[in-house]
Protein backbone atom coordinates (compact mmCIF):
# COMPACT_ATOMS: atom_id res chain seq x y z
CA MET A 1 66.43 17.94 0.25
CA ALA A 2 65.06 21.62 1.36
CA VAL A 3 61.54 21.30 0.94
CA LYS A 4 59.58 24.01 2.53
CA LEU A 5 55.83 25.01 2.50
CA ASN A 6 54.58 27.19 -0.55
CA ARG A 7 52.77 29.62 1.36
CA THR A 8 51.41 31.06 -1.82
CA SER A 9 50.01 27.83 -2.84
CA PHE A 10 48.66 27.34 0.56
CA GLU A 11 46.68 30.65 0.54
CA TYR A 12 45.49 29.87 -3.12
CA ALA A 13 44.39 26.39 -2.16
CA LYS A 14 42.31 27.85 1.05
CA GLU A 15 40.72 30.26 -1.49
CA LEU A 16 39.79 27.84 -3.87
CA VAL A 17 38.19 25.54 -1.18
CA THR A 18 36.19 28.66 0.02
CA GLN A 19 34.97 29.29 -3.35
CA GLY A 20 33.49 25.54 -3.54
CA LYS A 21 36.06 24.58 -6.20
CA VAL A 22 36.64 21.12 -4.69
CA VAL A 23 36.37 17.48 -5.52
CA VAL A 24 35.16 15.35 -2.79
CA ASP A 25 36.70 12.20 -3.86
CA GLU A 26 37.97 8.89 -2.47
CA ARG A 27 41.28 8.59 -0.62
CA ASN A 28 42.78 6.55 -3.25
CA ALA A 29 41.43 8.34 -6.33
CA TRP A 30 44.69 10.67 -7.05
CA SER A 31 46.41 8.09 -8.98
CA GLU A 32 43.55 8.19 -11.49
CA ASP A 33 42.64 12.15 -10.83
CA GLN A 34 46.13 13.57 -11.26
CA PRO A 35 47.05 15.34 -14.14
CA SER A 36 49.00 13.53 -16.84
CA THR A 37 52.61 14.48 -17.63
CA GLN A 38 51.24 16.00 -21.07
CA GLU A 39 48.51 17.91 -19.16
CA GLU A 40 51.12 19.16 -16.77
CA ASN A 41 53.39 20.34 -19.70
CA GLU A 42 50.58 22.08 -21.50
CA PHE A 43 49.63 23.88 -18.36
CA ILE A 44 53.38 25.25 -17.86
CA ASP A 45 53.36 26.03 -21.57
CA ALA A 46 50.10 28.11 -21.39
CA HIS A 47 50.40 29.69 -17.78
CA GLY A 48 54.30 29.19 -16.78
CA TYR A 49 56.03 27.54 -13.70
CA ALA A 50 54.83 30.61 -11.39
CA GLU A 51 51.06 29.27 -11.93
CA TYR A 52 52.34 25.70 -11.82
CA ALA A 53 53.85 26.20 -8.35
CA LYS A 54 50.38 27.48 -7.06
CA TRP A 55 49.28 23.76 -7.48
CA HIS A 56 51.96 22.47 -5.31
CA LEU A 57 52.20 22.92 -1.17
CA GLY A 58 55.98 22.20 -1.22
CA ILE A 59 58.95 23.72 -2.88
CA ASP A 60 62.40 21.97 -3.13
CA ASP A 61 64.55 25.17 -3.12
CA GLU A 62 67.60 23.30 -4.09
CA GLN A 63 66.09 22.61 -7.47
CA ASP A 64 65.96 25.12 -10.25
CA GLU A 65 62.74 27.39 -10.45
CA SER A 66 61.89 26.17 -14.19
CA THR A 67 61.75 22.60 -13.51
CA LYS A 68 59.08 20.55 -12.38
CA LYS A 69 61.38 18.74 -9.74
CA ARG A 70 61.21 21.85 -7.43
CA TYR A 71 57.49 21.36 -6.82
CA LYS A 72 56.36 19.00 -4.58
CA PHE A 73 52.84 17.84 -2.83
CA PRO A 74 50.20 18.67 -5.69
CA TYR A 75 46.74 19.31 -4.39
CA GLY A 76 44.62 19.59 -7.48
CA ASP A 77 44.23 19.25 -11.17
CA PHE A 78 44.74 22.89 -12.06
CA ASN A 79 41.00 23.51 -11.77
CA LYS A 80 39.94 22.15 -8.51
CA VAL A 81 41.13 21.01 -5.27
CA HIS A 82 41.12 17.52 -4.75
CA ARG A 83 40.35 15.75 -1.62
CA CYS A 84 42.63 12.94 -2.47
CA ALA A 85 45.54 14.82 -3.21
CA VAL A 86 45.32 16.90 -0.17
CA LEU A 87 45.17 13.37 1.61
CA SER A 88 48.18 12.25 -0.13
CA ALA A 89 50.01 15.39 0.35
CA GLU A 90 49.15 15.07 4.03
CA SER A 91 50.13 11.54 4.32
CA ARG A 92 53.48 11.77 2.62
CA ALA A 93 54.50 15.02 4.19
CA GLY A 94 54.25 13.27 7.64
CA GLN A 95 56.01 10.71 6.30
CA TYR A 96 58.97 12.57 5.45
CA LYS A 97 58.81 14.97 8.14
CA HIS A 98 57.92 18.17 6.37
CA LEU A 99 55.85 19.23 9.41
CA ASN A 100 54.75 22.56 7.96
CA ILE A 101 53.43 20.99 4.80
CA GLU A 102 51.70 18.38 6.71
CA ARG A 103 49.94 21.00 8.76
CA ALA A 104 48.79 22.71 5.93
CA ALA A 105 47.44 19.81 4.21
CA ALA A 106 45.66 18.79 7.14
CA HIS A 107 44.11 22.33 7.46
CA LEU A 108 43.06 22.04 3.70
CA HIS A 109 41.47 18.57 4.76
CA GLY A 110 39.38 20.04 7.58
CA MET A 111 38.18 22.93 5.25
CA ILE A 112 37.24 20.10 2.62
CA GLU A 113 35.43 18.20 5.55
CA GLU A 114 33.46 21.08 6.37
CA PHE A 115 32.57 21.79 2.86
CA ARG A 116 31.46 18.18 2.31
CA GLU A 117 29.28 18.58 5.48
CA LYS A 118 27.64 21.81 4.22
CA VAL A 119 26.91 20.32 0.70
CA ALA A 120 25.44 16.84 2.05
């Protein structure tokens, strides 16, 4: 699998965190917070795959651009960045040795922690 960092997505995620569009949730909340398959499909129907891609830190360039299989390591719910999703992406990217994605997720994690300190 040829998964690489989606730089556009990374920049978009940083912008969202800077704007305070963040959910500071618990580490294991992503299984409950992540969009359902139906919500993903509705988002794609309304906005297309280019917008869907912006919510994923990884791209598998061996997969077709118009399939969900191409996009890896989601970090939010199409509205806000979720701390739990970033932590999951950071952990899984490290596990699979996608170092650029792991570093990007770690950077976002740091930004979210700074945000959390400011609002506390």
